[in-house]
Structures are given as structure tokens and as C-alpha cells.
Amino acid sequence: MRSIICSLLLFMVLAAVPQDAISHNYVLCVGLDTYPKKVDRYLVKPLRVSANDAKVMKKVFAANGFRTSILTDSAATLDAVLRAMKYRFFTAKSDDMVVFYFSGHGTEDGLLCYDHVLENDAIVSVLKQCKAKTKMIIVDACYSGIMRCDTVWQKAFTDEDVIFFLSSRNEETSLETGYSNSLFTMYLERGLRGGADANKDSDITPKELFDFVHDGVMNDRLFKGHQHPVMWGRFNGDRPIINWQKKNNKTNNKNNHDTTDN
């Protein structure tokens, strides 16, 4: 009887809370290994672990309560990616958080979807129509640091927390490895699963995440100094972006190295 009463009371409390007052977090993960030989004006070679990067990140965010979507390989056309971004991000309210994660080929124009380039302007357009004040763009691709130099980004967001976490500097390639994930995403996963929780409070802040991933990538025993992750934007570096749950986040470190440019 007591459990029934408690359940009824909990239901009444939740029912009394306006749905707009309940915050949610959304993430869209995109990863491509398989490409046509040519995408727009770019000749493209296949990758090996980018699709799995997206799958792993989906699991990490889902384990921490995010509402997730994923597109990989031939399903990740430009139209499909934009539609998925709008579906997820246009649902978000002001107190929500949205994350766009991409692993695949990068160019000076943007990110390579299966059939066309996802240009920076298109990403900005979607994000500007999203009501969430906290937005995070995570890109694991060659030359991804170029995105921070784009004046479109710099002028687009003035009153929101917008975080760009990019796998490499403007002129750098981003590495795949013998692991099941690329170098940047491997340390990103470890960080979000609790490795970046420097003060052991279960909350992971942008500063903690950057410090952990940057240190890991820069000091990796086989790829030391090759790649420099970049974090840029207008945001509070000490504001939590994820509250990791130990029981749902078991890190698997049983992998080996190998080298392939991403």
C-alpha cells in the first residue's frame, strides 16, 4: 500500500510540473567510413573507424540521459543530416542542451557528408533557429580547426553558450588508429565516461574535458605531438556539460595502435 501511495504522489508531482520546465539534452551523431570516390569537387578515400566513432559517442551520451540520433555512411546524406539536426534541435527549449558530433572527412569548406559538403553556413543556420542556449559542436575531422576561424561562427552567437571542440588545428590531419576509434574520439570517450572528472564531483566541465582530451592526444605514446585538439567559443568553462554515471560508463581500453590519416 505504501509503495502505491508513493507512486501516486510522485505521479501527481510530475504531472504538476509544466513540460516546458523540464530540460532535455539532444545529440545527433554522424560518422562516415564509406564514401563515393568523389563528393562535390573532392576526391575521397574511405575511412575505417569514423562510423564506429559515431556509434560509440551515441552510447556515451545515451548512457547519460541524452536523447540521441545517429546517421552513418550512405544514410548520412546532406539532406538527411540537415533533417535530423532540425528534428532534434528544433525540439529543444531554452534550458536544453544540443550536441552535434561528426566524424569523417573535413575540408576548408565544411564537413563531407555522403553526397555533398555540409557547409559551415548551413550548420550556423540550423543552430540559430534552435532555442537551446547551450550548443556544442564536436568535430573529429582533418583541418577541423578551420571552423574556429570562420567569421560566420564568430558573428553568429552572442548570447548563448556555444562550444566548438575540434580534433585538430587548421593545417593538421586527424588520425585514425588501430583502436576501434580515432585518436581524438578515443580520448573524448574516455573523458566523458569519467576520465575527465578531475575533481571527482561527477560533473564534467568544458575545461576538464579539454584538458583531459588535449593531454591524451598530445601525449599519446605513438602519436605524440602530431595533433592538437582545439576548444573555442563563448561559454563558461566551469559549467557542467555532462554528469557521468559510473555504473553506465565502463571504459574499454583493450586496443592497439596503427596509423591512418582521417
Protein backbone atom coordinates (compact mmCIF):
# COMPACT_ATOMS: atom_id res chain seq x y z
CA MET A 1 0.00 0.00 0.00
CA ARG A 2 2.82 2.38 0.92
CA SER A 3 4.51 1.88 -2.45
CA ILE A 4 1.21 2.57 -4.26
CA ILE A 5 0.70 5.80 -2.33
CA CYS A 6 4.29 6.90 -3.02
CA SER A 7 3.85 6.16 -6.72
CA LEU A 8 0.65 8.19 -6.84
CA LEU A 9 2.30 11.11 -5.07
CA LEU A 10 5.25 11.01 -7.48
CA PHE A 11 2.87 10.93 -10.45
CA MET A 12 0.97 13.92 -9.06
CA VAL A 13 4.19 15.89 -8.57
CA LEU A 14 5.44 15.16 -12.09
CA ALA A 15 2.05 15.92 -13.59
CA ALA A 16 2.07 19.30 -11.87
CA VAL A 17 5.37 20.31 -13.49
CA PRO A 18 4.89 22.08 -16.85
CA GLN A 19 6.61 20.11 -19.62
CA ASP A 20 8.37 23.26 -20.81
CA ALA A 21 10.06 23.43 -17.39
CA ILE A 22 11.67 20.01 -17.79
CA SER A 23 15.04 20.30 -19.51
CA HIS A 24 16.33 17.76 -22.00
CA ASN A 25 19.58 17.20 -23.85
CA TYR A 26 19.79 16.18 -27.50
CA VAL A 27 22.63 14.79 -29.59
CA LEU A 28 23.00 13.92 -33.27
CA CYS A 29 25.98 11.68 -34.08
CA VAL A 30 27.21 11.40 -37.67
CA GLY A 31 30.05 9.13 -38.83
CA LEU A 32 31.22 8.07 -42.28
CA ASP A 33 33.72 5.43 -43.36
CA THR A 34 32.19 4.75 -46.77
CA TYR A 35 32.11 7.49 -49.41
CA PRO A 36 31.71 7.63 -53.17
CA LYS A 37 35.01 8.22 -54.97
CA LYS A 38 34.08 11.87 -55.41
CA VAL A 39 31.95 14.19 -53.28
CA ASP A 40 31.31 17.54 -54.93
CA ARG A 41 34.79 18.64 -56.04
CA TYR A 42 36.68 16.40 -53.62
CA LEU A 43 38.27 13.04 -54.41
CA VAL A 44 37.61 10.91 -51.33
CA LYS A 45 39.24 7.83 -49.85
CA PRO A 46 37.40 5.52 -47.44
CA LEU A 47 37.96 5.68 -43.71
CA ARG A 48 37.97 2.86 -41.19
CA VAL A 49 36.57 3.84 -37.78
CA SER A 50 34.52 7.02 -38.20
CA ALA A 51 31.17 5.20 -38.32
CA ASN A 52 32.10 3.42 -35.10
CA ASP A 53 33.13 6.77 -33.60
CA ALA A 54 29.54 7.94 -34.04
CA LYS A 55 28.14 4.71 -32.58
CA VAL A 56 30.38 4.93 -29.52
CA MET A 57 29.52 8.57 -28.88
CA LYS A 58 25.82 7.80 -29.21
CA LYS A 59 26.19 5.16 -26.48
CA VAL A 60 28.11 7.52 -24.20
CA PHE A 61 25.54 10.30 -24.47
CA ALA A 62 22.59 7.91 -24.24
CA ALA A 63 24.03 6.43 -21.04
CA ASN A 64 23.92 9.93 -19.58
CA GLY A 65 20.32 10.72 -20.44
CA PHE A 66 20.67 12.42 -23.83
CA ARG A 67 18.04 11.88 -26.50
CA THR A 68 20.10 10.53 -29.36
CA SER A 69 20.04 10.16 -33.14
CA ILE A 70 22.67 8.66 -35.43
CA LEU A 71 23.46 8.61 -39.16
CA THR A 72 26.31 6.63 -40.68
CA ASP A 73 27.81 6.03 -44.13
CA SER A 74 25.33 6.15 -47.04
CA ALA A 75 22.49 7.18 -44.70
CA ALA A 76 24.41 10.36 -43.85
CA THR A 77 23.49 12.37 -46.93
CA LEU A 78 23.46 16.13 -46.68
CA ASP A 79 19.66 16.23 -46.73
CA ALA A 80 19.38 13.50 -44.07
CA VAL A 81 21.87 15.22 -41.76
CA LEU A 82 20.12 18.57 -42.03
CA ARG A 83 16.71 16.99 -41.47
CA ALA A 84 17.99 15.10 -38.42
CA MET A 85 19.56 18.25 -36.99
CA LYS A 86 16.30 20.14 -37.40
CA TYR A 87 14.25 17.29 -35.94
CA ARG A 88 16.38 17.11 -32.81
CA PHE A 89 17.42 20.71 -32.33
CA PHE A 90 14.17 22.46 -33.20
CA THR A 91 12.56 20.41 -30.40
CA ALA A 92 14.91 21.89 -27.81
CA LYS A 93 13.80 24.56 -25.35
CA SER A 94 15.94 27.40 -23.98
CA ASP A 95 17.16 25.44 -20.95
CA ASP A 96 18.11 22.38 -23.01
CA MET A 97 21.45 21.45 -24.48
CA VAL A 98 22.13 20.25 -28.03
CA VAL A 99 25.22 18.45 -29.34
CA PHE A 100 26.25 17.82 -32.93
CA TYR A 101 29.02 15.22 -33.28
CA PHE A 102 30.70 14.47 -36.60
CA SER A 103 33.47 12.05 -37.54
CA GLY A 104 34.60 11.81 -41.14
CA HIS A 105 36.41 13.83 -43.78
CA GLY A 106 36.80 17.56 -43.33
CA THR A 107 37.67 20.27 -45.87
CA GLU A 108 38.21 24.02 -45.91
CA ASP A 109 34.54 24.35 -46.94
CA GLY A 110 32.98 22.19 -44.26
CA LEU A 111 32.28 18.54 -43.47
CA LEU A 112 31.85 15.83 -46.07
CA CYS A 113 28.51 14.07 -45.93
CA TYR A 114 27.92 11.08 -48.20
CA ASP A 115 26.90 13.12 -51.22
CA HIS A 116 27.68 16.79 -50.56
CA VAL A 117 29.62 19.14 -48.30
CA LEU A 118 27.84 20.28 -45.14
CA GLU A 119 28.98 23.89 -45.19
CA ASN A 120 29.55 25.95 -42.08
CA ASP A 121 26.80 28.38 -43.07
CA ALA A 122 24.24 25.57 -43.08
CA ILE A 123 25.24 24.46 -39.58
CA VAL A 124 25.01 28.04 -38.33
CA SER A 125 21.56 28.43 -39.88
CA VAL A 126 20.20 25.37 -38.06
CA LEU A 127 21.79 26.28 -34.75
CA LYS A 128 20.50 29.85 -34.92
CA GLN A 129 16.95 28.52 -35.21
CA CYS A 130 17.48 26.27 -32.20
CA LYS A 131 16.15 27.79 -28.96
CA ALA A 132 18.64 25.98 -26.71
CA LYS A 133 21.13 28.40 -25.20
CA THR A 134 23.77 25.71 -24.81
CA LYS A 135 25.11 24.26 -28.05
CA MET A 136 28.15 22.02 -28.55
CA ILE A 137 29.73 21.13 -31.88
CA ILE A 138 32.26 18.27 -31.72
CA VAL A 139 34.16 17.52 -34.92
CA ASP A 140 36.69 14.73 -35.48
CA ALA A 141 37.99 15.52 -38.97
CA CYS A 142 41.08 16.79 -40.73
CA TYR A 143 41.58 20.57 -40.65
CA SER A 144 38.59 20.98 -38.33
CA GLY A 145 40.32 23.91 -36.61
CA ILE A 146 39.41 26.00 -39.66
CA MET A 147 35.89 26.24 -38.25
CA ARG A 148 37.02 28.50 -35.40
CA CYS A 149 38.46 30.99 -37.90
CA ASP A 150 35.20 31.33 -39.81
CA THR A 151 33.77 34.82 -39.22
CA VAL A 152 30.28 33.37 -39.71
CA TRP A 153 30.71 31.43 -36.48
CA GLN A 154 32.22 34.37 -34.64
CA LYS A 155 29.36 36.72 -35.50
CA ALA A 156 26.51 34.25 -35.24
CA PHE A 157 26.34 33.66 -31.49
CA THR A 158 26.44 36.41 -28.89
CA ASP A 159 24.12 35.43 -26.02
CA GLU A 160 24.45 31.62 -25.92
CA ASP A 161 26.94 29.11 -24.62
CA VAL A 162 28.40 27.76 -27.85
CA ILE A 163 31.29 25.31 -27.65
CA PHE A 164 33.36 24.12 -30.59
CA PHE A 165 35.51 21.10 -29.73
CA LEU A 166 37.66 20.35 -32.76
CA SER A 167 40.07 17.45 -33.21
CA SER A 168 42.95 19.32 -34.85
CA ARG A 169 44.34 22.69 -35.86
CA ASN A 170 43.67 24.34 -39.22
CA GLU A 171 46.57 22.70 -41.06
CA GLU A 172 46.57 19.33 -39.27
CA THR A 173 45.17 15.95 -40.18
CA SER A 174 43.23 13.95 -37.59
CA LEU A 175 44.39 10.40 -37.07
CA GLU A 176 42.65 7.08 -37.12
CA THR A 177 44.37 4.38 -35.04
CA GLY A 178 44.50 0.63 -34.56
CA TYR A 179 41.93 1.22 -31.86
CA SER A 180 38.27 0.87 -32.74
CA ASN A 181 38.08 4.67 -32.68
CA SER A 182 40.07 7.60 -33.99
CA LEU A 183 42.67 9.21 -31.73
CA PHE A 184 40.58 12.23 -30.72
CA THR A 185 37.35 10.30 -30.19
CA MET A 186 39.15 7.61 -28.20
CA TYR A 187 40.19 10.17 -25.58
CA LEU A 188 36.88 12.01 -25.87
CA GLU A 189 35.03 8.81 -24.97
CA ARG A 190 37.34 8.13 -22.03
CA GLY A 191 36.87 11.68 -20.81
CA LEU A 192 33.07 11.61 -21.00
CA ARG A 193 32.99 8.23 -19.25
CA GLY A 194 34.59 9.83 -16.20
CA GLY A 195 38.25 10.18 -17.06
CA ALA A 196 37.93 13.97 -17.36
CA ASP A 197 36.28 14.31 -13.94
CA ALA A 198 39.35 15.89 -12.34
CA ASN A 199 37.69 16.94 -9.08
CA LYS A 200 35.60 13.75 -8.75
CA ASP A 201 32.24 15.54 -8.45
CA SER A 202 30.62 13.54 -11.31
CA ASP A 203 30.17 16.72 -13.36
CA ILE A 204 32.42 17.18 -16.40
CA THR A 205 33.03 20.77 -17.46
CA PRO A 206 34.35 22.02 -20.82
CA LYS A 207 37.66 22.91 -19.17
CA GLU A 208 38.02 19.44 -17.64
CA LEU A 209 37.12 17.75 -20.90
CA PHE A 210 39.51 19.85 -22.97
CA ASP A 211 42.40 19.37 -20.54
CA PHE A 212 41.89 15.59 -20.50
CA VAL A 213 41.48 15.11 -24.25
CA HIS A 214 44.21 17.57 -25.22
CA ASP A 215 46.68 15.95 -22.82
CA GLY A 216 45.76 12.46 -24.02
CA VAL A 217 46.05 13.24 -27.72
CA MET A 218 49.20 15.32 -27.35
CA ASN A 219 50.99 12.74 -25.22
CA ASP A 220 49.75 9.54 -26.84
CA ARG A 221 52.67 7.14 -26.85
CA LEU A 222 52.66 6.54 -30.61
CA PHE A 223 51.31 9.83 -31.99
CA LYS A 224 52.82 12.31 -29.55
CA GLY A 225 52.63 15.90 -30.77
CA HIS A 226 51.03 15.13 -34.14
CA GLN A 227 47.60 16.53 -33.40
CA HIS A 228 46.39 19.49 -31.31
CA PRO A 229 42.71 19.49 -30.28
CA VAL A 230 41.09 22.93 -30.13
CA MET A 231 38.21 24.24 -28.00
CA TRP A 232 36.72 27.59 -28.92
CA GLY A 233 33.54 29.59 -28.39
CA ARG A 234 31.64 31.73 -25.95
CA PHE A 235 30.95 29.63 -22.88
CA ASN A 236 31.54 29.16 -19.17
CA GLY A 237 34.44 26.72 -18.89
CA ASP A 238 33.30 25.59 -15.45
CA ARG A 239 29.65 24.94 -16.29
CA PRO A 240 28.92 21.17 -16.40
CA ILE A 241 28.16 19.73 -19.82
CA ILE A 242 27.57 16.18 -18.67
CA ASN A 243 27.01 14.33 -15.40
CA TRP A 244 28.59 10.95 -15.93
CA GLN A 245 27.20 7.88 -14.22
CA LYS A 246 29.84 5.34 -13.24
CA LYS A 247 27.50 2.35 -13.42
CA ASN A 248 26.64 3.18 -17.06
CA ASN A 249 30.12 4.18 -18.23
CA LYS A 250 32.65 1.36 -18.34
CA THR A 251 35.66 2.32 -20.44
CA ASN A 252 37.16 -0.31 -22.72
CA ASN A 253 40.87 0.30 -23.20
CA LYS A 254 41.76 -3.06 -24.80
CA ASN A 255 43.00 -1.79 -28.16
CA ASN A 256 46.16 -1.45 -30.24
CA HIS A 257 47.61 1.35 -32.41
CA ASP A 258 48.07 1.75 -36.12
CA THR A 259 48.23 4.85 -38.34
CA THR A 260 45.84 6.16 -40.96
CA ASP A 261 45.05 9.78 -41.75
CA ASN A 262 41.43 10.81 -41.25
